[in-house]
């Protein structure tokens, strides 16, 4: 398949020509890798070096997410798309909602009254070896995941909580091995389909919070949520 430039273009959100993004790519030598290894290296960077956390808005640019150094499904997905496109790997956007209940634990229970029952969710699709693959497993960083796994040892049944919704917590499909990856798939509520660019999706669907809840989240609630996630990540993992 000849590369479709639609899936490689830069956009206001996918600002991969930004100097910080270009410098990151050069520092890691990702341009010198095979496509398989480049995808894996970028995927692991977004999953683990960009910690799971809550940004001020879903529509941050890729360079803003990189500067924050943390993110959730939508914001980390923006950075992943930008980095991969910068390496000439075709990406597209798949929009959903997920049930907010899967956030219980990551979000303190007293905050659930501020959140809708279903929230905007997305994953990244990449074109690799003649087929489109879903990438979603980058959302939860390995350090955070290991703590949750330690709290529920040997759990390999349907699990939902702490920002995770998977068929097997003990061995989730979140490692890049040339196939699709998932970490919240089991919590999907609505499927909005494919979009060429994340910018188009958010123009159409908006973001999760409106009215007074939006500044309340931006300037107070997300700090409390992030403090809770950091507390979880610092918990000891026993063998």
C-alpha atoms as a PDB file:
ATOM      1  CA  UNK A   1       0.000   0.000   0.000  1.00  0.00           C
ATOM      2  CA  UNK A   2       1.337   3.417  -0.966  1.00  0.00           C
ATOM      3  CA  UNK A   3       1.501   5.673   2.063  1.00  0.00           C
ATOM      4  CA  UNK A   4      -1.601   7.839   2.396  1.00  0.00           C
ATOM      5  CA  UNK A   5      -0.356  11.319   3.270  1.00  0.00           C
ATOM      6  CA  UNK A   6      -3.586  11.964   5.175  1.00  0.00           C
ATOM      7  CA  UNK A   7      -2.296   9.591   7.846  1.00  0.00           C
ATOM      8  CA  UNK A   8       1.131  11.226   7.961  1.00  0.00           C
ATOM      9  CA  UNK A   9       0.266  14.930   8.004  1.00  0.00           C
ATOM     10  CA  UNK A  10       0.977  17.364  10.778  1.00  0.00           C
ATOM     11  CA  UNK A  11      -2.048  19.101  12.346  1.00  0.00           C
ATOM     12  CA  UNK A  12      -2.454  21.701  15.122  1.00  0.00           C
ATOM     13  CA  UNK A  13      -2.685  18.831  17.639  1.00  0.00           C
ATOM     14  CA  UNK A  14      -0.163  16.541  15.932  1.00  0.00           C
ATOM     15  CA  UNK A  15       2.596  19.159  15.891  1.00  0.00           C
ATOM     16  CA  UNK A  16       5.475  16.775  15.331  1.00  0.00           C
ATOM     17  CA  UNK A  17       7.636  19.442  13.667  1.00  0.00           C
ATOM     18  CA  UNK A  18       7.916  21.074  17.091  1.00  0.00           C
ATOM     19  CA  UNK A  19      11.588  21.333  18.089  1.00  0.00           C
ATOM     20  CA  UNK A  20      11.141  19.431  21.355  1.00  0.00           C
ATOM     21  CA  UNK A  21       9.545  16.471  19.571  1.00  0.00           C
ATOM     22  CA  UNK A  22      12.200  16.483  16.872  1.00  0.00           C
ATOM     23  CA  UNK A  23      14.935  16.685  19.490  1.00  0.00           C
ATOM     24  CA  UNK A  24      13.419  13.760  21.389  1.00  0.00           C
ATOM     25  CA  UNK A  25      13.394  11.606  18.257  1.00  0.00           C
ATOM     26  CA  UNK A  26      17.001  12.480  17.467  1.00  0.00           C
ATOM     27  CA  UNK A  27      18.199  11.848  21.034  1.00  0.00           C
ATOM     28  CA  UNK A  28      16.688   8.365  21.057  1.00  0.00           C
ATOM     29  CA  UNK A  29      17.849   7.482  17.551  1.00  0.00           C
ATOM     30  CA  UNK A  30      14.386   6.302  16.553  1.00  0.00           C
ATOM     31  CA  UNK A  31      14.929   7.190  12.888  1.00  0.00           C
ATOM     32  CA  UNK A  32      17.686   4.575  12.675  1.00  0.00           C
ATOM     33  CA  UNK A  33      15.466   1.689  13.787  1.00  0.00           C
ATOM     34  CA  UNK A  34      13.423  -0.743  11.736  1.00  0.00           C
ATOM     35  CA  UNK A  35       9.730   0.083  11.564  1.00  0.00           C
ATOM     36  CA  UNK A  36       8.897  -2.692  14.033  1.00  0.00           C
ATOM     37  CA  UNK A  37      11.526  -1.534  16.535  1.00  0.00           C
ATOM     38  CA  UNK A  38      10.662   2.142  16.062  1.00  0.00           C
ATOM     39  CA  UNK A  39       7.007   1.460  16.846  1.00  0.00           C
ATOM     40  CA  UNK A  40       8.026  -0.504  19.933  1.00  0.00           C
ATOM     41  CA  UNK A  41      10.449   2.133  21.160  1.00  0.00           C
ATOM     42  CA  UNK A  42       7.970   4.988  20.732  1.00  0.00           C
ATOM     43  CA  UNK A  43       5.135   2.901  22.192  1.00  0.00           C
ATOM     44  CA  UNK A  44       7.170   2.045  25.305  1.00  0.00           C
ATOM     45  CA  UNK A  45       8.232   5.665  25.711  1.00  0.00           C
ATOM     46  CA  UNK A  46       4.649   6.932  25.625  1.00  0.00           C
ATOM     47  CA  UNK A  47       3.459   4.138  27.909  1.00  0.00           C
ATOM     48  CA  UNK A  48       6.165   4.343  30.569  1.00  0.00           C
ATOM     49  CA  UNK A  49       8.030   7.661  30.289  1.00  0.00           C
ATOM     50  CA  UNK A  50       4.760   9.575  30.006  1.00  0.00           C
ATOM     51  CA  UNK A  51       3.132   8.495  33.253  1.00  0.00           C
ATOM     52  CA  UNK A  52      -0.594   7.850  33.590  1.00  0.00           C
ATOM     53  CA  UNK A  53      -2.273  11.020  34.842  1.00  0.00           C
ATOM     54  CA  UNK A  54      -4.923  13.621  34.084  1.00  0.00           C
ATOM     55  CA  UNK A  55      -4.087  16.654  31.916  1.00  0.00           C
ATOM     56  CA  UNK A  56      -6.035  19.886  31.882  1.00  0.00           C
ATOM     57  CA  UNK A  57      -7.727  19.164  28.534  1.00  0.00           C
ATOM     58  CA  UNK A  58      -8.140  16.393  25.949  1.00  0.00           C
ATOM     59  CA  UNK A  59      -7.159  18.712  23.100  1.00  0.00           C
ATOM     60  CA  UNK A  60      -3.583  19.449  24.146  1.00  0.00           C
ATOM     61  CA  UNK A  61      -1.035  19.365  21.357  1.00  0.00           C
ATOM     62  CA  UNK A  62       1.501  16.549  21.259  1.00  0.00           C
ATOM     63  CA  UNK A  63       4.275  18.927  22.336  1.00  0.00           C
ATOM     64  CA  UNK A  64       2.189  20.077  25.313  1.00  0.00           C
ATOM     65  CA  UNK A  65       1.642  16.470  26.411  1.00  0.00           C
ATOM     66  CA  UNK A  66       5.380  15.855  26.135  1.00  0.00           C
ATOM     67  CA  UNK A  67       6.030  18.932  28.270  1.00  0.00           C
ATOM     68  CA  UNK A  68       3.498  17.790  30.894  1.00  0.00           C
ATOM     69  CA  UNK A  69       5.203  14.392  31.084  1.00  0.00           C
ATOM     70  CA  UNK A  70       1.959  12.587  31.925  1.00  0.00           C
ATOM     71  CA  UNK A  71      -1.375  11.856  30.294  1.00  0.00           C
ATOM     72  CA  UNK A  72      -4.391   9.608  29.835  1.00  0.00           C
ATOM     73  CA  UNK A  73      -5.905   7.790  26.870  1.00  0.00           C
ATOM     74  CA  UNK A  74      -6.647  10.821  24.713  1.00  0.00           C
ATOM     75  CA  UNK A  75      -3.598  12.939  25.426  1.00  0.00           C
ATOM     76  CA  UNK A  76      -1.069  10.105  25.364  1.00  0.00           C
ATOM     77  CA  UNK A  77      -2.673   8.977  22.108  1.00  0.00           C
ATOM     78  CA  UNK A  78      -2.055  12.400  20.587  1.00  0.00           C
ATOM     79  CA  UNK A  79       1.635  12.189  21.448  1.00  0.00           C
ATOM     80  CA  UNK A  80       1.889   8.614  20.143  1.00  0.00           C
ATOM     81  CA  UNK A  81       0.291   9.572  16.829  1.00  0.00           C
ATOM     82  CA  UNK A  82       2.594  12.557  16.403  1.00  0.00           C
ATOM     83  CA  UNK A  83       5.769  10.623  17.163  1.00  0.00           C
ATOM     84  CA  UNK A  84       4.870   7.783  14.832  1.00  0.00           C
ATOM     85  CA  UNK A  85       3.895  10.114  11.986  1.00  0.00           C
ATOM     86  CA  UNK A  86       7.209  11.889  12.432  1.00  0.00           C
ATOM     87  CA  UNK A  87       8.799   8.493  11.709  1.00  0.00           C
ATOM     88  CA  UNK A  88       6.668   8.032   8.571  1.00  0.00           C
ATOM     89  CA  UNK A  89       4.356   5.493  10.208  1.00  0.00           C
ATOM     90  CA  UNK A  90       0.707   5.960   9.248  1.00  0.00           C
ATOM     91  CA  UNK A  91      -1.721   6.537  12.105  1.00  0.00           C
ATOM     92  CA  UNK A  92      -5.412   7.278  12.481  1.00  0.00           C
ATOM     93  CA  UNK A  93      -7.762   7.959  15.389  1.00  0.00           C
ATOM     94  CA  UNK A  94     -10.577   5.755  16.733  1.00  0.00           C
ATOM     95  CA  UNK A  95     -13.051   7.459  19.056  1.00  0.00           C
ATOM     96  CA  UNK A  96     -15.214   5.898  21.768  1.00  0.00           C
ATOM     97  CA  UNK A  97     -16.731   6.454  25.143  1.00  0.00           C
ATOM     98  CA  UNK A  98     -15.895   4.297  28.130  1.00  0.00           C
ATOM     99  CA  UNK A  99     -17.828   3.750  31.333  1.00  0.00           C
ATOM    100  CA  UNK A 100     -16.399   6.041  33.984  1.00  0.00           C
ATOM    101  CA  UNK A 101     -16.731   3.248  36.541  1.00  0.00           C
ATOM    102  CA  UNK A 102     -13.414   1.795  35.352  1.00  0.00           C
ATOM    103  CA  UNK A 103     -11.730   4.899  36.817  1.00  0.00           C
ATOM    104  CA  UNK A 104     -12.882   4.010  40.339  1.00  0.00           C
ATOM    105  CA  UNK A 105      -9.818   3.702  42.523  1.00  0.00           C
ATOM    106  CA  UNK A 106      -7.742   5.990  40.334  1.00  0.00           C
ATOM    107  CA  UNK A 107     -10.340   8.689  40.946  1.00  0.00           C
ATOM    108  CA  UNK A 108     -11.431   9.049  44.600  1.00  0.00           C
ATOM    109  CA  UNK A 109     -15.025   7.924  45.098  1.00  0.00           C
ATOM    110  CA  UNK A 110     -16.209  11.346  46.265  1.00  0.00           C
ATOM    111  CA  UNK A 111     -15.412  12.807  42.842  1.00  0.00           C
ATOM    112  CA  UNK A 112     -17.712  10.572  40.847  1.00  0.00           C
ATOM    113  CA  UNK A 113     -20.619  12.986  41.223  1.00  0.00           C
ATOM    114  CA  UNK A 114     -18.644  15.456  39.099  1.00  0.00           C
ATOM    115  CA  UNK A 115     -18.117  13.028  36.228  1.00  0.00           C
ATOM    116  CA  UNK A 116     -20.495  11.785  33.517  1.00  0.00           C
ATOM    117  CA  UNK A 117     -21.238   8.057  33.503  1.00  0.00           C
ATOM    118  CA  UNK A 118     -19.527   7.760  30.114  1.00  0.00           C
ATOM    119  CA  UNK A 119     -16.405   9.681  29.126  1.00  0.00           C
ATOM    120  CA  UNK A 120     -14.589  10.319  25.852  1.00  0.00           C
ATOM    121  CA  UNK A 121     -12.017   7.651  25.050  1.00  0.00           C
ATOM    122  CA  UNK A 122      -9.770   6.892  22.114  1.00  0.00           C
ATOM    123  CA  UNK A 123      -7.030   4.677  20.827  1.00  0.00           C
ATOM    124  CA  UNK A 124      -4.517   4.921  18.006  1.00  0.00           C
ATOM    125  CA  UNK A 125      -4.546   2.735  14.913  1.00  0.00           C
ATOM    126  CA  UNK A 126      -1.320   2.172  12.974  1.00  0.00           C
ATOM    127  CA  UNK A 127      -0.687   0.680   9.535  1.00  0.00           C
ATOM    128  CA  UNK A 128       1.904  -2.052   9.910  1.00  0.00           C
ATOM    129  CA  UNK A 129       2.798  -4.878   7.523  1.00  0.00           C
ATOM    130  CA  UNK A 130      -0.305  -4.503   5.392  1.00  0.00           C
ATOM    131  CA  UNK A 131      -2.937  -4.183   8.130  1.00  0.00           C
ATOM    132  CA  UNK A 132      -4.320  -1.708  10.615  1.00  0.00           C
ATOM    133  CA  UNK A 133      -3.634  -2.476  14.283  1.00  0.00           C
ATOM    134  CA  UNK A 134      -5.220  -1.030  17.426  1.00  0.00           C
ATOM    135  CA  UNK A 135      -2.882   0.460  20.029  1.00  0.00           C
ATOM    136  CA  UNK A 136      -4.435   1.175  23.408  1.00  0.00           C
ATOM    137  CA  UNK A 137      -2.074  -0.490  25.892  1.00  0.00           C
ATOM    138  CA  UNK A 138       0.081   2.645  26.210  1.00  0.00           C
ATOM    139  CA  UNK A 139      -2.380   4.359  28.563  1.00  0.00           C
ATOM    140  CA  UNK A 140      -1.217   2.806  31.853  1.00  0.00           C
ATOM    141  CA  UNK A 141       2.482   2.978  32.713  1.00  0.00           C
ATOM    142  CA  UNK A 142       4.209  -0.195  33.858  1.00  0.00           C
ATOM    143  CA  UNK A 143       5.069   1.074  37.340  1.00  0.00           C
ATOM    144  CA  UNK A 144       1.457   1.961  38.087  1.00  0.00           C
ATOM    145  CA  UNK A 145       0.184  -1.280  36.541  1.00  0.00           C
ATOM    146  CA  UNK A 146       2.562  -3.398  38.633  1.00  0.00           C
ATOM    147  CA  UNK A 147       1.159  -1.859  41.818  1.00  0.00           C
ATOM    148  CA  UNK A 148      -2.423  -2.682  40.811  1.00  0.00           C
ATOM    149  CA  UNK A 149      -1.410  -6.209  39.809  1.00  0.00           C
ATOM    150  CA  UNK A 150       0.201  -6.669  43.220  1.00  0.00           C
ATOM    151  CA  UNK A 151      -3.040  -5.623  44.916  1.00  0.00           C
ATOM    152  CA  UNK A 152      -4.948  -8.284  42.952  1.00  0.00           C
ATOM    153  CA  UNK A 153      -2.459 -11.157  42.565  1.00  0.00           C
ATOM    154  CA  UNK A 154      -3.282 -13.989  40.176  1.00  0.00           C
ATOM    155  CA  UNK A 155      -6.309 -12.085  38.886  1.00  0.00           C
ATOM    156  CA  UNK A 156      -7.058 -13.287  35.358  1.00  0.00           C
ATOM    157  CA  UNK A 157     -10.763 -12.647  35.059  1.00  0.00           C
ATOM    158  CA  UNK A 158     -12.598  -9.576  33.842  1.00  0.00           C
ATOM    159  CA  UNK A 159     -11.209  -6.607  35.782  1.00  0.00           C
ATOM    160  CA  UNK A 160     -12.407  -3.015  35.873  1.00  0.00           C
ATOM    161  CA  UNK A 161     -10.984  -0.312  38.087  1.00  0.00           C
ATOM    162  CA  UNK A 162      -8.017   2.012  38.696  1.00  0.00           C
ATOM    163  CA  UNK A 163      -8.127   3.172  35.046  1.00  0.00           C
ATOM    164  CA  UNK A 164      -7.921  -0.399  33.752  1.00  0.00           C
ATOM    165  CA  UNK A 165     -10.513  -2.594  32.028  1.00  0.00           C
ATOM    166  CA  UNK A 166      -9.053  -5.874  30.821  1.00  0.00           C
ATOM    167  CA  UNK A 167      -9.943  -9.530  30.485  1.00  0.00           C
ATOM    168  CA  UNK A 168      -6.835 -10.547  32.445  1.00  0.00           C
ATOM    169  CA  UNK A 169      -5.134  -8.163  34.860  1.00  0.00           C
ATOM    170  CA  UNK A 170      -2.262 -10.588  35.445  1.00  0.00           C
ATOM    171  CA  UNK A 171      -1.345 -10.682  31.748  1.00  0.00           C
ATOM    172  CA  UNK A 172      -2.994  -7.810  29.861  1.00  0.00           C
ATOM    173  CA  UNK A 173      -2.391  -7.386  26.125  1.00  0.00           C
ATOM    174  CA  UNK A 174      -0.339  -4.225  26.577  1.00  0.00           C
ATOM    175  CA  UNK A 175       3.059  -5.238  25.123  1.00  0.00           C
ATOM    176  CA  UNK A 176       4.047  -4.311  21.564  1.00  0.00           C
ATOM    177  CA  UNK A 177       4.703  -7.581  19.725  1.00  0.00           C
ATOM    178  CA  UNK A 178       3.518  -6.646  16.254  1.00  0.00           C
ATOM    179  CA  UNK A 179      -0.173  -6.983  17.137  1.00  0.00           C
ATOM    180  CA  UNK A 180      -2.919  -4.876  18.702  1.00  0.00           C
ATOM    181  CA  UNK A 181      -2.586  -3.860  22.349  1.00  0.00           C
ATOM    182  CA  UNK A 182      -5.277  -3.039  24.913  1.00  0.00           C
ATOM    183  CA  UNK A 183      -5.701  -1.946  28.526  1.00  0.00           C
ATOM    184  CA  UNK A 184      -9.192  -0.314  28.703  1.00  0.00           C
ATOM    185  CA  UNK A 185     -10.992  -2.099  25.877  1.00  0.00           C
ATOM    186  CA  UNK A 186     -13.365  -4.005  28.180  1.00  0.00           C
ATOM    187  CA  UNK A 187     -14.830  -0.716  29.397  1.00  0.00           C
ATOM    188  CA  UNK A 188     -15.944   0.633  26.022  1.00  0.00           C
ATOM    189  CA  UNK A 189     -19.525   1.919  25.844  1.00  0.00           C
ATOM    190  CA  UNK A 190     -19.986   3.721  22.480  1.00  0.00           C
ATOM    191  CA  UNK A 191     -17.998   3.408  19.257  1.00  0.00           C
ATOM    192  CA  UNK A 192     -17.758   6.658  17.266  1.00  0.00           C
ATOM    193  CA  UNK A 193     -15.645   5.130  14.519  1.00  0.00           C
ATOM    194  CA  UNK A 194     -12.535   6.251  12.686  1.00  0.00           C
ATOM    195  CA  UNK A 195     -11.194   9.760  12.132  1.00  0.00           C
ATOM    196  CA  UNK A 196      -8.208  10.789  10.061  1.00  0.00           C
ATOM    197  CA  UNK A 197      -7.148  13.378  12.657  1.00  0.00           C
ATOM    198  CA  UNK A 198      -7.864  13.802  16.388  1.00  0.00           C
ATOM    199  CA  UNK A 199      -8.549  17.488  15.723  1.00  0.00           C
ATOM    200  CA  UNK A 200     -11.624  16.535  13.683  1.00  0.00           C
ATOM    201  CA  UNK A 201     -12.982  14.262  16.401  1.00  0.00           C
ATOM    202  CA  UNK A 202     -12.789  16.866  19.168  1.00  0.00           C
ATOM    203  CA  UNK A 203     -14.317  19.549  16.971  1.00  0.00           C
ATOM    204  CA  UNK A 204     -17.278  17.235  16.446  1.00  0.00           C
ATOM    205  CA  UNK A 205     -17.620  15.584  19.869  1.00  0.00           C
ATOM    206  CA  UNK A 206     -16.154  18.162  22.228  1.00  0.00           C
ATOM    207  CA  UNK A 207     -14.541  17.119  25.497  1.00  0.00           C
ATOM    208  CA  UNK A 208     -15.773  15.410  28.631  1.00  0.00           C
ATOM    209  CA  UNK A 209     -16.672  18.408  30.778  1.00  0.00           C
ATOM    210  CA  UNK A 210     -18.615  21.598  30.084  1.00  0.00           C
ATOM    211  CA  UNK A 211     -19.887  24.563  32.070  1.00  0.00           C
ATOM    212  CA  UNK A 212     -18.625  25.146  35.598  1.00  0.00           C
ATOM    213  CA  UNK A 213     -17.269  21.586  35.817  1.00  0.00           C
ATOM    214  CA  UNK A 214     -14.599  22.349  33.219  1.00  0.00           C
ATOM    215  CA  UNK A 215     -12.683  25.050  35.183  1.00  0.00           C
ATOM    216  CA  UNK A 216     -13.342  23.133  38.405  1.00  0.00           C
ATOM    217  CA  UNK A 217     -11.629  20.100  36.887  1.00  0.00           C
ATOM    218  CA  UNK A 218      -8.816  22.120  35.323  1.00  0.00           C
ATOM    219  CA  UNK A 219      -7.866  24.117  38.411  1.00  0.00           C
ATOM    220  CA  UNK A 220      -8.729  21.780  41.318  1.00  0.00           C
ATOM    221  CA  UNK A 221     -10.074  18.289  40.749  1.00  0.00           C
ATOM    222  CA  UNK A 222      -7.388  16.981  38.418  1.00  0.00           C
ATOM    223  CA  UNK A 223      -4.702  17.923  40.959  1.00  0.00           C
ATOM    224  CA  UNK A 224      -6.490  15.815  43.565  1.00  0.00           C
ATOM    225  CA  UNK A 225      -6.863  12.980  41.036  1.00  0.00           C
ATOM    226  CA  UNK A 226      -3.196  13.140  40.072  1.00  0.00           C
ATOM    227  CA  UNK A 227      -2.161  13.164  43.725  1.00  0.00           C
ATOM    228  CA  UNK A 228      -4.164   9.973  44.220  1.00  0.00           C
ATOM    229  CA  UNK A 229      -2.548   8.317  41.171  1.00  0.00           C
ATOM    230  CA  UNK A 230       0.921   9.294  42.443  1.00  0.00           C
ATOM    231  CA  UNK A 231       0.071   7.844  45.852  1.00  0.00           C
ATOM    232  CA  UNK A 232      -0.897   4.549  44.218  1.00  0.00           C
ATOM    233  CA  UNK A 233       2.250   4.493  42.082  1.00  0.00           C
ATOM    234  CA  UNK A 234       4.437   4.921  45.197  1.00  0.00           C
ATOM    235  CA  UNK A 235       2.920   1.917  46.951  1.00  0.00           C
ATOM    236  CA  UNK A 236       5.366  -0.915  47.542  1.00  0.00           C
ATOM    237  CA  UNK A 237       5.152  -3.957  45.301  1.00  0.00           C
ATOM    238  CA  UNK A 238       5.933  -7.128  47.250  1.00  0.00           C
ATOM    239  CA  UNK A 239       7.135 -10.295  45.560  1.00  0.00           C
END
